[in-house]
C-alpha atoms as a PDB file:
ATOM      1  CA  MET A   1     -14.893 -11.213  -1.377  1.00  0.00           C
ATOM      2  CA  LYS A   2     -15.894  -8.602  -3.977  1.00  0.00           C
ATOM      3  CA  GLU A   3     -18.003  -6.476  -1.650  1.00  0.00           C
ATOM      4  CA  GLY A   4     -15.100  -5.847   0.724  1.00  0.00           C
ATOM      5  CA  LEU A   5     -12.429  -5.157  -1.846  1.00  0.00           C
ATOM      6  CA  LEU A   6     -10.769  -1.790  -1.371  1.00  0.00           C
ATOM      7  CA  PHE A   7      -9.522  -1.439  -4.941  1.00  0.00           C
ATOM      8  CA  GLY A   8     -12.737  -0.679  -6.789  1.00  0.00           C
ATOM      9  CA  GLY A   9     -14.494  -4.029  -6.813  1.00  0.00           C
ATOM     10  CA  LEU A  10     -11.897  -5.717  -9.013  1.00  0.00           C
ATOM     11  CA  SER A  11     -11.426  -9.440  -8.528  1.00  0.00           C
ATOM     12  CA  PRO A  12      -9.141 -12.127  -9.931  1.00  0.00           C
ATOM     13  CA  THR A  13     -10.209 -14.606 -12.572  1.00  0.00           C
ATOM     14  CA  ASN A  14      -9.463 -18.318 -12.745  1.00  0.00           C
ATOM     15  CA  LYS A  15      -7.564 -17.694 -15.984  1.00  0.00           C
ATOM     16  CA  LYS A  16      -5.197 -15.140 -14.454  1.00  0.00           C
ATOM     17  CA  ILE A  17      -4.582 -17.103 -11.273  1.00  0.00           C
ATOM     18  CA  ASN A  18      -4.066 -20.386 -13.108  1.00  0.00           C
ATOM     19  CA  SER A  19      -1.558 -18.656 -15.420  1.00  0.00           C
ATOM     20  CA  LEU A  20       0.512 -17.702 -12.396  1.00  0.00           C
ATOM     21  CA  ARG A  21       0.254 -21.212 -10.977  1.00  0.00           C
ATOM     22  CA  THR A  22       1.598 -22.586 -14.261  1.00  0.00           C
ATOM     23  CA  LEU A  23       4.439 -20.064 -14.222  1.00  0.00           C
ATOM     24  CA  ARG A  24       5.448 -21.175 -10.740  1.00  0.00           C
ATOM     25  CA  LEU A  25       5.411 -24.844 -11.643  1.00  0.00           C
ATOM     26  CA  CYS A  26       7.447 -24.341 -14.820  1.00  0.00           C
ATOM     27  CA  GLY A  27       9.806 -21.602 -13.604  1.00  0.00           C
ATOM     28  CA  LYS A  28      13.540 -22.280 -13.595  1.00  0.00           C
ATOM     29  CA  ASN A  29      14.534 -19.594 -11.092  1.00  0.00           C
ATOM     30  CA  SER A  30      12.703 -20.800  -8.006  1.00  0.00           C
ATOM     31  CA  ILE A  31      14.247 -20.659  -4.536  1.00  0.00           C
ATOM     32  CA  LEU A  32      15.359 -24.311  -4.862  1.00  0.00           C
ATOM     33  CA  ASP A  33      17.622 -23.412  -7.780  1.00  0.00           C
ATOM     34  CA  ARG A  34      19.658 -20.859  -5.826  1.00  0.00           C
ATOM     35  CA  ASN A  35      23.235 -21.615  -4.868  1.00  0.00           C
ATOM     36  CA  ASP A  36      22.692 -21.435  -1.127  1.00  0.00           C
ATOM     37  CA  VAL A  37      19.249 -22.855  -0.449  1.00  0.00           C
ATOM     38  CA  ARG A  38      19.592 -22.968   3.333  1.00  0.00           C
ATOM     39  CA  TYR A  39      20.550 -19.300   3.589  1.00  0.00           C
ATOM     40  CA  ALA A  40      17.633 -18.227   1.393  1.00  0.00           C
ATOM     41  CA  ILE A  41      15.122 -20.308   3.344  1.00  0.00           C
ATOM     42  CA  ALA A  42      16.410 -19.046   6.706  1.00  0.00           C
ATOM     43  CA  ARG A  43      16.284 -15.442   5.486  1.00  0.00           C
ATOM     44  CA  ASP A  44      12.683 -15.827   4.306  1.00  0.00           C
ATOM     45  CA  ILE A  45      11.592 -17.438   7.590  1.00  0.00           C
ATOM     46  CA  ILE A  46      13.166 -14.652   9.642  1.00  0.00           C
ATOM     47  CA  LYS A  47      11.529 -11.991   7.455  1.00  0.00           C
ATOM     48  CA  LYS A  48       8.129 -13.677   7.771  1.00  0.00           C
ATOM     49  CA  MET A  49       8.437 -13.845  11.571  1.00  0.00           C
ATOM     50  CA  ARG A  50       9.428 -10.175  11.715  1.00  0.00           C
ATOM     51  CA  ILE A  51       6.395  -9.104   9.650  1.00  0.00           C
ATOM     52  CA  GLU A  52       4.066 -11.247  11.763  1.00  0.00           C
ATOM     53  CA  ASN A  53       5.451  -9.734  14.977  1.00  0.00           C
ATOM     54  CA  MET A  54       4.977  -6.181  13.660  1.00  0.00           C
ATOM     55  CA  LEU A  55       1.390  -6.967  12.675  1.00  0.00           C
ATOM     56  CA  LYS A  56       0.648  -8.554  16.030  1.00  0.00           C
ATOM     57  CA  GLU A  57       1.854  -5.392  17.762  1.00  0.00           C
ATOM     58  CA  LEU A  58      -0.520  -3.371  15.566  1.00  0.00           C
ATOM     59  CA  ILE A  59      -3.374  -5.740  16.411  1.00  0.00           C
ATOM     60  CA  GLU A  60      -2.770  -5.188  20.130  1.00  0.00           C
ATOM     61  CA  LYS A  61      -2.719  -1.409  19.674  1.00  0.00           C
ATOM     62  CA  ALA A  62      -5.856  -1.508  17.499  1.00  0.00           C
ATOM     63  CA  GLY A  63      -7.969  -2.423  20.529  1.00  0.00           C
ATOM     64  CA  GLY A  64     -10.514  -4.406  18.529  1.00  0.00           C
ATOM     65  CA  ARG A  65     -10.607  -2.112  15.497  1.00  0.00           C
ATOM     66  CA  THR A  66     -10.385  -3.757  12.076  1.00  0.00           C
ATOM     67  CA  ALA A  67      -9.633  -0.628  10.015  1.00  0.00           C
ATOM     68  CA  LEU A  68      -6.329   1.057  10.818  1.00  0.00           C
ATOM     69  CA  SER A  69      -5.645   4.760  10.377  1.00  0.00           C
ATOM     70  CA  GLU A  70      -3.397   5.889   7.544  1.00  0.00           C
ATOM     71  CA  HIS A  71      -0.615   6.995   9.885  1.00  0.00           C
ATOM     72  CA  GLU A  72      -0.697   3.589  11.613  1.00  0.00           C
ATOM     73  CA  VAL A  73      -0.400   1.748   8.292  1.00  0.00           C
ATOM     74  CA  LYS A  74       2.400   4.025   7.139  1.00  0.00           C
ATOM     75  CA  GLY A  75       4.216   3.440  10.405  1.00  0.00           C
ATOM     76  CA  LEU A  76       4.158  -0.299   9.676  1.00  0.00           C
ATOM     77  CA  LEU A  77       5.285   0.239   6.079  1.00  0.00           C
ATOM     78  CA  LYS A  78       8.128   2.525   7.146  1.00  0.00           C
ATOM     79  CA  GLU A  79       9.310  -0.073   9.664  1.00  0.00           C
ATOM     80  CA  MET A  80       9.308  -2.627   6.843  1.00  0.00           C
ATOM     81  CA  GLY A  81      11.513  -0.390   4.689  1.00  0.00           C
ATOM     82  CA  PHE A  82       8.932   1.343   2.489  1.00  0.00           C
ATOM     83  CA  SER A  83       9.415   5.033   1.706  1.00  0.00           C
ATOM     84  CA  VAL A  84       6.544   7.228   2.916  1.00  0.00           C
ATOM     85  CA  PRO A  85       6.291  11.038   3.068  1.00  0.00           C
ATOM     86  CA  ASN A  86       7.657  12.780   6.136  1.00  0.00           C
ATOM     87  CA  GLY A  87       4.674  13.672   8.281  1.00  0.00           C
ATOM     88  CA  ARG A  88       3.024  13.986  11.669  1.00  0.00           C
ATOM     89  CA  PHE A  89      -0.366  12.969  12.994  1.00  0.00           C
ATOM     90  CA  PHE A  90      -2.342  15.198  15.354  1.00  0.00           C
ATOM     91  CA  PRO A  91      -5.464  13.902  17.145  1.00  0.00           C
ATOM     92  CA  ALA A  92      -8.466  16.231  17.195  1.00  0.00           C
ATOM     93  CA  GLY A  93      -8.055  18.780  19.976  1.00  0.00           C
ATOM     94  CA  GLU A  94      -4.249  18.680  19.992  1.00  0.00           C
ATOM     95  CA  MET A  95      -2.543  21.972  19.187  1.00  0.00           C
ATOM     96  CA  ILE A  96      -0.349  22.083  16.099  1.00  0.00           C
ATOM     97  CA  PRO A  97       3.024  23.640  16.985  1.00  0.00           C
ATOM     98  CA  GLU A  98       4.451  26.549  15.023  1.00  0.00           C
ATOM     99  CA  ASN A  99       7.521  24.522  14.083  1.00  0.00           C
ATOM    100  CA  LEU A 100       6.423  21.241  12.529  1.00  0.00           C
ATOM    101  CA  ASP A 101       9.911  20.394  11.278  1.00  0.00           C
ATOM    102  CA  LEU A 102       8.351  19.684   7.858  1.00  0.00           C
ATOM    103  CA  ASN A 103       9.133  21.324   4.537  1.00  0.00           C
ATOM    104  CA  TYR A 104       6.455  23.204   2.605  1.00  0.00           C
ATOM    105  CA  PRO A 105       4.433  22.623   0.491  1.00  0.00           C
ATOM    106  CA  LEU A 106       2.397  20.331   2.699  1.00  0.00           C
ATOM    107  CA  VAL A 107      -0.629  18.057   2.473  1.00  0.00           C
ATOM    108  CA  ALA A 108      -3.299  17.792   5.184  1.00  0.00           C
ATOM    109  CA  LYS A 109      -5.630  14.757   5.376  1.00  0.00           C
ATOM    110  CA  VAL A 110      -8.549  13.895   7.595  1.00  0.00           C
ATOM    111  CA  SER A 111      -8.070  10.793   9.719  1.00  0.00           C
ATOM    112  CA  SER A 112     -10.938   8.631  10.929  1.00  0.00           C
ATOM    113  CA  GLU A 113     -11.795   4.959  11.282  1.00  0.00           C
ATOM    114  CA  ASN A 114     -15.179   5.787   9.741  1.00  0.00           C
ATOM    115  CA  ILE A 115     -13.883   7.668   6.682  1.00  0.00           C
ATOM    116  CA  SER A 116     -12.398   5.694   3.795  1.00  0.00           C
ATOM    117  CA  ALA A 117     -12.974   8.051   0.837  1.00  0.00           C
ATOM    118  CA  LYS A 118     -11.282  11.188   2.187  1.00  0.00           C
ATOM    119  CA  SER A 119     -11.400  13.125  -1.091  1.00  0.00           C
ATOM    120  CA  ASP A 120     -15.177  12.720  -1.389  1.00  0.00           C
ATOM    121  CA  LEU A 121     -15.570  14.707   1.836  1.00  0.00           C
ATOM    122  CA  HIS A 122     -12.970  17.335   0.855  1.00  0.00           C
ATOM    123  CA  GLY A 123     -10.776  15.821   3.508  1.00  0.00           C
ATOM    124  CA  VAL A 124      -7.522  16.210   1.568  1.00  0.00           C
ATOM    125  CA  ARG A 125      -5.856  19.593   1.026  1.00  0.00           C
ATOM    126  CA  ILE A 126      -2.703  19.735  -1.100  1.00  0.00           C
ATOM    127  CA  GLY A 127      -0.153  22.393  -1.975  1.00  0.00           C
ATOM    128  CA  LEU A 128      -0.310  24.234   1.347  1.00  0.00           C
ATOM    129  CA  GLN A 129       2.403  26.865   1.053  1.00  0.00           C
ATOM    130  CA  ASP A 130       2.681  28.352   4.529  1.00  0.00           C
ATOM    131  CA  GLU A 131       1.442  28.195   8.109  1.00  0.00           C
ATOM    132  CA  VAL A 132      -1.619  30.374   7.414  1.00  0.00           C
ATOM    133  CA  GLU A 133      -2.850  28.041   4.658  1.00  0.00           C
ATOM    134  CA  LEU A 134      -2.054  24.989   6.766  1.00  0.00           C
ATOM    135  CA  ARG A 135      -3.963  26.132   9.850  1.00  0.00           C
ATOM    136  CA  ALA A 136      -6.985  27.144   7.765  1.00  0.00           C
ATOM    137  CA  ALA A 137      -6.972  23.728   6.057  1.00  0.00           C
ATOM    138  CA  VAL A 138      -6.661  21.862   9.363  1.00  0.00           C
ATOM    139  CA  GLU A 139      -9.520  23.883  10.864  1.00  0.00           C
ATOM    140  CA  ASP A 140     -11.783  22.991   7.920  1.00  0.00           C
ATOM    141  CA  ILE A 141     -10.783  19.321   7.980  1.00  0.00           C
ATOM    142  CA  LEU A 142     -11.523  18.918  11.679  1.00  0.00           C
ATOM    143  CA  ARG A 143     -15.080  20.187  11.075  1.00  0.00           C
ATOM    144  CA  ILE A 144     -15.768  17.055   8.998  1.00  0.00           C
ATOM    145  CA  GLU A 145     -18.135  14.676  10.765  1.00  0.00           C
ATOM    146  CA  ASN A 146     -16.311  11.792  12.501  1.00  0.00           C
ATOM    147  CA  ALA A 147     -12.892  13.443  12.044  1.00  0.00           C
ATOM    148  CA  GLU A 148     -10.558  11.961  14.646  1.00  0.00           C
ATOM    149  CA  GLY A 149      -7.457  13.923  13.698  1.00  0.00           C
ATOM    150  CA  VAL A 150      -5.353  15.208  10.848  1.00  0.00           C
ATOM    151  CA  LEU A 151      -2.267  13.815   9.113  1.00  0.00           C
ATOM    152  CA  ILE A 152       0.145  16.476   7.836  1.00  0.00           C
ATOM    153  CA  GLU A 153       2.781  15.424   5.325  1.00  0.00           C
ATOM    154  CA  GLU A 154       5.318  16.859   2.931  1.00  0.00           C
ATOM    155  CA  MET A 155       4.198  16.819  -0.706  1.00  0.00           C
ATOM    156  CA  ALA A 156       5.927  14.186  -2.819  1.00  0.00           C
ATOM    157  CA  PRO A 157       7.415  14.896  -6.247  1.00  0.00           C
ATOM    158  CA  ARG A 158       5.444  13.839  -9.317  1.00  0.00           C
ATOM    159  CA  GLY A 159       6.102  10.403 -10.750  1.00  0.00           C
ATOM    160  CA  VAL A 160       4.304   7.427 -12.257  1.00  0.00           C
ATOM    161  CA  GLU A 161       1.409   6.401 -10.027  1.00  0.00           C
ATOM    162  CA  VAL A 162       0.476   2.752  -9.538  1.00  0.00           C
ATOM    163  CA  ILE A 163      -1.891   0.852  -7.278  1.00  0.00           C
ATOM    164  CA  ILE A 164      -0.826  -2.144  -5.220  1.00  0.00           C
ATOM    165  CA  GLY A 165      -3.321  -4.052  -3.119  1.00  0.00           C
ATOM    166  CA  GLY A 166      -3.998  -7.344  -1.460  1.00  0.00           C
ATOM    167  CA  VAL A 167      -7.038  -9.259  -0.291  1.00  0.00           C
ATOM    168  CA  LEU A 168      -7.808 -12.546   1.418  1.00  0.00           C
ATOM    169  CA  ASP A 169      -9.968 -14.249  -1.185  1.00  0.00           C
ATOM    170  CA  ARG A 170     -12.406 -17.033  -0.250  1.00  0.00           C
ATOM    171  CA  GLN A 171     -11.437 -19.136  -3.262  1.00  0.00           C
ATOM    172  CA  PHE A 172      -7.761 -18.402  -3.886  1.00  0.00           C
ATOM    173  CA  GLY A 173      -6.530 -17.353  -0.456  1.00  0.00           C
ATOM    174  CA  PRO A 174      -4.194 -14.336  -0.128  1.00  0.00           C
ATOM    175  CA  ILE A 175      -3.731 -12.532  -3.456  1.00  0.00           C
ATOM    176  CA  VAL A 176      -2.000  -9.367  -4.647  1.00  0.00           C
ATOM    177  CA  MET A 177      -3.228  -6.845  -7.217  1.00  0.00           C
ATOM    178  CA  PHE A 178      -1.127  -4.467  -9.317  1.00  0.00           C
ATOM    179  CA  GLY A 179      -2.102  -1.797 -11.838  1.00  0.00           C
ATOM    180  CA  LEU A 180      -1.417   1.695 -13.109  1.00  0.00           C
ATOM    181  CA  GLY A 181      -3.331   4.572 -11.557  1.00  0.00           C
ATOM    182  CA  GLY A 182      -5.726   7.034 -13.131  1.00  0.00           C
ATOM    183  CA  ILE A 183      -7.831   6.045 -16.143  1.00  0.00           C
ATOM    184  CA  PHE A 184      -5.929   2.773 -16.575  1.00  0.00           C
ATOM    185  CA  ILE A 185      -7.734   1.273 -13.599  1.00  0.00           C
ATOM    186  CA  GLU A 186     -10.875   3.444 -13.634  1.00  0.00           C
ATOM    187  CA  LEU A 187     -11.799   2.870 -17.288  1.00  0.00           C
ATOM    188  CA  PHE A 188      -9.715  -0.016 -18.604  1.00  0.00           C
ATOM    189  CA  ARG A 189      -9.420  -2.198 -15.468  1.00  0.00           C
ATOM    190  CA  ASP A 190      -5.786  -2.736 -16.475  1.00  0.00           C
ATOM    191  CA  VAL A 191      -4.625  -4.876 -13.545  1.00  0.00           C
ATOM    192  CA  SER A 192      -2.887  -8.150 -12.801  1.00  0.00           C
ATOM    193  CA  PHE A 193      -3.266 -10.580  -9.898  1.00  0.00           C
ATOM    194  CA  GLY A 194      -0.833 -12.918  -8.171  1.00  0.00           C
ATOM    195  CA  LEU A 195      -0.880 -15.499  -5.402  1.00  0.00           C
ATOM    196  CA  ALA A 196       0.819 -14.529  -2.141  1.00  0.00           C
ATOM    197  CA  PRO A 197       3.586 -14.862  -1.225  1.00  0.00           C
ATOM    198  CA  LEU A 198       5.281 -13.725  -4.433  1.00  0.00           C
ATOM    199  CA  ASN A 199       8.858 -14.346  -5.459  1.00  0.00           C
ATOM    200  CA  LYS A 200      10.761 -12.078  -7.855  1.00  0.00           C
ATOM    201  CA  ASP A 201       9.674 -14.012 -10.934  1.00  0.00           C
ATOM    202  CA  ASP A 202       6.037 -13.702  -9.871  1.00  0.00           C
ATOM    203  CA  ALA A 203       6.378  -9.956  -9.335  1.00  0.00           C
ATOM    204  CA  HIS A 204       8.068  -9.400 -12.708  1.00  0.00           C
ATOM    205  CA  TRP A 205       5.317 -11.478 -14.324  1.00  0.00           C
ATOM    206  CA  MET A 206       2.608  -9.315 -12.734  1.00  0.00           C
ATOM    207  CA  ILE A 207       4.280  -6.150 -14.008  1.00  0.00           C
ATOM    208  CA  SER A 208       4.586  -7.539 -17.531  1.00  0.00           C
ATOM    209  CA  GLU A 209       0.887  -8.533 -17.551  1.00  0.00           C
ATOM    210  CA  ILE A 210      -0.550  -5.007 -17.567  1.00  0.00           C
ATOM    211  CA  LYS A 211      -1.155  -3.304 -20.918  1.00  0.00           C
ATOM    212  CA  GLY A 212       0.166   0.067 -19.729  1.00  0.00           C
ATOM    213  CA  ARG A 213       3.596  -1.298 -18.789  1.00  0.00           C
ATOM    214  CA  ARG A 214       5.275   0.943 -21.398  1.00  0.00           C
ATOM    215  CA  LEU A 215       4.741   3.875 -19.044  1.00  0.00           C
ATOM    216  CA  LEU A 216       7.011   2.095 -16.585  1.00  0.00           C
ATOM    217  CA  GLU A 217       9.715   1.541 -19.192  1.00  0.00           C
ATOM    218  CA  GLY A 218      10.135   5.217 -20.101  1.00  0.00           C
ATOM    219  CA  TYR A 219       7.776   7.098 -22.398  1.00  0.00           C
ATOM    220  CA  ARG A 220       8.034  10.402 -24.333  1.00  0.00           C
ATOM    221  CA  GLY A 221      11.356  11.328 -22.830  1.00  0.00           C
ATOM    222  CA  ASN A 222      10.574  10.206 -19.286  1.00  0.00           C
ATOM    223  CA  PRO A 223      13.079   7.833 -17.671  1.00  0.00           C
ATOM    224  CA  PRO A 224      12.062   4.270 -16.797  1.00  0.00           C
ATOM    225  CA  VAL A 225      10.922   3.720 -13.229  1.00  0.00           C
ATOM    226  CA  ASP A 226      12.911   1.804 -10.639  1.00  0.00           C
ATOM    227  CA  ARG A 227      11.561  -1.648 -11.466  1.00  0.00           C
ATOM    228  CA  GLU A 228      13.544  -3.430  -8.767  1.00  0.00           C
ATOM    229  CA  VAL A 229      12.025  -1.256  -6.047  1.00  0.00           C
ATOM    230  CA  LEU A 230       8.574  -1.922  -7.503  1.00  0.00           C
ATOM    231  CA  VAL A 231       9.278  -5.658  -7.391  1.00  0.00           C
ATOM    232  CA  GLU A 232      10.325  -5.418  -3.741  1.00  0.00           C
ATOM    233  CA  ILE A 233       7.138  -3.537  -2.825  1.00  0.00           C
ATOM    234  CA  LEU A 234       4.985  -6.171  -4.532  1.00  0.00           C
ATOM    235  CA  ILE A 235       6.825  -8.932  -2.680  1.00  0.00           C
ATOM    236  CA  SER A 236       6.513  -7.139   0.664  1.00  0.00           C
ATOM    237  CA  VAL A 237       2.769  -6.574   0.220  1.00  0.00           C
ATOM    238  CA  SER A 238       2.392 -10.253  -0.661  1.00  0.00           C
ATOM    239  CA  GLU A 239       4.261 -11.193   2.520  1.00  0.00           C
ATOM    240  CA  ILE A 240       1.888  -9.060   4.587  1.00  0.00           C
ATOM    241  CA  MET A 241      -1.076 -10.870   3.020  1.00  0.00           C
ATOM    242  CA  ALA A 242       0.546 -14.304   3.443  1.00  0.00           C
ATOM    243  CA  THR A 243       0.565 -13.899   7.244  1.00  0.00           C
ATOM    244  CA  GLY A 244      -3.199 -14.479   7.300  1.00  0.00           C
ATOM    245  CA  LEU A 245      -3.579 -11.580   9.747  1.00  0.00           C
ATOM    246  CA  VAL A 246      -4.742  -9.006   7.180  1.00  0.00           C
ATOM    247  CA  ALA A 247      -8.047  -8.998   5.288  1.00  0.00           C
ATOM    248  CA  GLU A 248      -7.178  -6.199   2.854  1.00  0.00           C
ATOM    249  CA  ILE A 249      -4.413  -3.742   2.071  1.00  0.00           C
ATOM    250  CA  ASP A 250      -4.604  -0.904  -0.437  1.00  0.00           C
ATOM    251  CA  LEU A 251      -1.634   1.292  -1.380  1.00  0.00           C
ATOM    252  CA  ASN A 252      -3.046   3.920  -3.710  1.00  0.00           C
ATOM    253  CA  PRO A 253      -1.144   5.641  -5.046  1.00  0.00           C
ATOM    254  CA  VAL A 254       2.417   4.421  -4.941  1.00  0.00           C
ATOM    255  CA  THR A 255       4.510   6.921  -6.881  1.00  0.00           C
ATOM    256  CA  LEU A 256       7.424   5.454  -8.816  1.00  0.00           C
ATOM    257  CA  TYR A 257      10.585   7.355  -9.736  1.00  0.00           C
ATOM    258  CA  ALA A 258      13.727   6.672 -11.725  1.00  0.00           C
ATOM    259  CA  GLU A 259      15.257   5.857  -8.353  1.00  0.00           C
ATOM    260  CA  GLY A 260      12.991   4.652  -5.587  1.00  0.00           C
ATOM    261  CA  ALA A 261       9.274   4.886  -4.883  1.00  0.00           C
ATOM    262  CA  MET A 262       6.964   6.374  -2.255  1.00  0.00           C
ATOM    263  CA  VAL A 263       3.645   5.222  -0.779  1.00  0.00           C
ATOM    264  CA  LEU A 264       1.376   8.293  -0.699  1.00  0.00           C
ATOM    265  CA  ASP A 265      -1.802   6.728   0.689  1.00  0.00           C
ATOM    266  CA  ALA A 266      -2.401   3.458   2.517  1.00  0.00           C
ATOM    267  CA  LYS A 267      -5.348   1.521   3.943  1.00  0.00           C
ATOM    268  CA  LEU A 268      -5.308  -1.764   5.836  1.00  0.00           C
ATOM    269  CA  LYS A 269      -8.033  -3.923   7.372  1.00  0.00           C
ATOM    270  CA  LEU A 270      -7.254  -6.629   9.887  1.00  0.00           C
ATOM    271  CA  ARG A 271      -9.041  -9.969   9.832  1.00  0.00           C
ATOM    272  CA  SER A 272     -11.914  -9.874  12.286  1.00  0.00           C
ATOM    273  CA  ALA A 273     -11.321 -13.563  13.077  1.00  0.00           C
ATOM    274  CA  VAL A 274      -7.815 -12.701  14.310  1.00  0.00           C
ATOM    275  CA  LEU A 275      -9.151  -9.993  16.617  1.00  0.00           C
ATOM    276  CA  GLN A 276     -11.636 -12.409  18.182  1.00  0.00           C
ATOM    277  CA  LYS A 277      -8.965 -14.903  19.266  1.00  0.00           C
ATOM    278  CA  PRO A 278      -8.356 -15.034  23.044  1.00  0.00           C
END
């Protein structure tokens, strides 16, 4: 499992996973305690079927590929209700029109099934202020080996960046990872893990487990982030993983605001076993 993990080789521990199992067994706010159990169960079943159907459509379009392009993943996320930057994808060789119907400043990113670390290849250009800068950036990006196209998006406002991921683990099954971005994950490995699918209590527990959670609660005059939206994103990612159709998903970063959140980058790998089914 570790070698395929998108989020930096991090993996869950028995201690962390068993803590979540205990929380679920002892929790008082499970779905069975709600006033209308039948409505809640029916709603969850319908949502699960909808996610599975969207993924199956992606699998058909993938044509045997396991790694999806960023614009494909963001299309799925947008259909599920996630906020993503306004943008357009252009395959290599397709002319970029003068009127993109996007607001500057813009970001241009290389797109390729064979490129996962775009920044390492200088495949991401930010802060493009006008058409001249944009066209020059696109021209440079398309010179990158294996470039299949370019994704052009509006730049998102600054906020608190977090990482949300999921992986199909050999021991624990589908799990979800959450952590703060930047040095918190690079140096301190400040992350939490949960079993998919999550409920709201699970998601709140994962958020409370990280040491840097004070940054989410408002720090040095900054407002607290929209915790409820964060909870919903964690739950939705867990529901994607719980379908059994996805091997890995990596949303990095997700930028959180006082109201709302936005997924700025997204990777997803389908299970090869699913693609091999007749």
